Amino acid sequence: MSRPLFLNSSIKLLKGRKHLKYLALFILGLTPLINACSFQQYQAKPIDKSAINARLQAKDPNGPQFRQYLLDNGYPNGNLPIQQWGAEELVYAALFFNPDLDVARAQLRAAELAKSIAGIRNVPTVSGNIAHSNQANGDIRPYAIGLSIDIPIETANKRDIRIDNATHLSEIAKLEIAQAAWQLRNRVTETFYAYQVNQRLISLLQNEQASRQEIVAIYQKRFNLGAASNSELSTAKLQLLNTQSELVAKQQEKLTLLARLASNLGLPMEKVRAMSIIDSPSFIAPNLPAENAKTAALLNRLDIRIALERYALAEAKLKLEIAKQYPDISLNPGYAYEFGDKIWSLGISSLLSLLEKNKAAIAEAEQLREVEAAQFEALQTKVITEASIASSQLNQAQQLLSNQQQLEEQQSANAQRTQRRFNAGDADRLEVAFSRLETNAVEKNVLLAQAQQLTALVQLENALQRPLIESDKSKNLTDPVIKN
């Protein structure tokens, strides 16, 4: 094994010097160690856009990996493979396929690595020197060598404070994973409910279009027979055109919602189109918390917990700056052979910080702690306000839905009476067609009220950061850290 050039030169210089043979042996002992040390080499890792696109296209909601993920998170095996994709199934898919959580998990790994690095102690360092004299005075040996070791010693418990600091950063990263998972769940459920409402509106508009086409046909016959005016026929045609235009808009909105859902799931659009998504809204009464909404929000909100960790992090930083008032020391034992004299020494060194005592850094850390305290108070106020507003909006939406459902019952009774009159010959086909239009309009109003209730429910869930509609399949979704 070859030695470095500088070591070969030094050995030649020292050869034949009895008093330096131990230094030569020491350096020779270091030579294989230096050569044997394996240093990591830099390896470029450019981003391959085509490979990323290939991975996106390869994602399969019916694949074995996702199936195992569902089982690992408590999804019933009897419901596999998934035939109908509801809110719970879509949320699971988003948590597995969406890359947003991968970013949060990568940040957590970086924080965990920083935590391990924070506990590393400062390592001793070795220094040496060699000198040669021209022996001008003739009474000294020509060579001098020196070897010393610097042993750093941290004071004021700085290492433990750094570990505490890194621990808080790690906890923040964990909570940010949960925050990202919750935000993802919120976006998926919101889009899913909007898709269901859109599908139901399309069905109602198709029924309305059929009724209006029947009305136009009746008016056309009556106009041809002179029993109806041109204005009545034109009004019926205009109303039909408006319905057809609204229907086309809702059909286009369906594509937009599917694209948004595909983005939230992290799946290709064609995979989402192939999924059998439940399109009939099932409006379940929400499981509202027994405690006050404000209290529930303060107990469950992840951003509140993150803010608390950030305040604790500011406290740790202040502790570290205060600890820095006490300088670290370094012990320096050494040996020197100076032109014939053998010298042993023990030194000690430290920074002189008795005058300034880190005042500026301590003041800055104290101010940072005050900022975090103010931000936490502002966040609490915001959370309480959001919870109160969302709770009030849900109550209003429920009241509106109750009123619309009562009107729906009344219209149902009116439609039945009209049908009986038609069967008895007391009403014509036009009257029955208008009765169906009225029923359709009331059903649309009920649907819009239900959609408003769902929107308010999603807002309240987001304010409380707690699922308010749960099933056996979704019970594990309340856990803030989802397995992967």
Foldseek 3Di string as FASTA:
>chain_A
DDFDPVLVVVCVVCPPPVVCVVVNVVVVVCGVVVVPDDDDDDDDDDDDPVVVVVVQAPDACLDPVLVVQLVVLPFDPVCPPPQADELQSLLSLLLPQACPLVVLVVQLVVLVVQLVVLLDDDDKDKDKDKAAQPCPVVPFAGIKMKIKIKAWDAPPCLSVLSNLLSVLSNVLSQLVSLVSSLVLSLQLNLLLLVLLLLLVVLVLLVVLLVLLVVLLVVQVVCVVVVNHDPVSNVVSVVVNVVSVVVNVVSVVVNLVSLVSSCNSSSHDSVSSVPHNYDNHDDQDDWQDDPDDLLVLQCVFPSVLVSLVSQLVSLVSQLSSLQSVLDWIKIWMWMWMQDRHDTDTDIDMDTDDNPPVSSVVSNVVSVVSSVVSVVVSVVVSVVLSVLLVVLVVQLVVLVVQLVVLVVVLVVLVVVLVVQVVCVVVVNDDPSVNSVSVSVNSVSVSSNSVSSSSNSVSQSSNCNSSVAGRDDDSSCPSVSPSRRDD
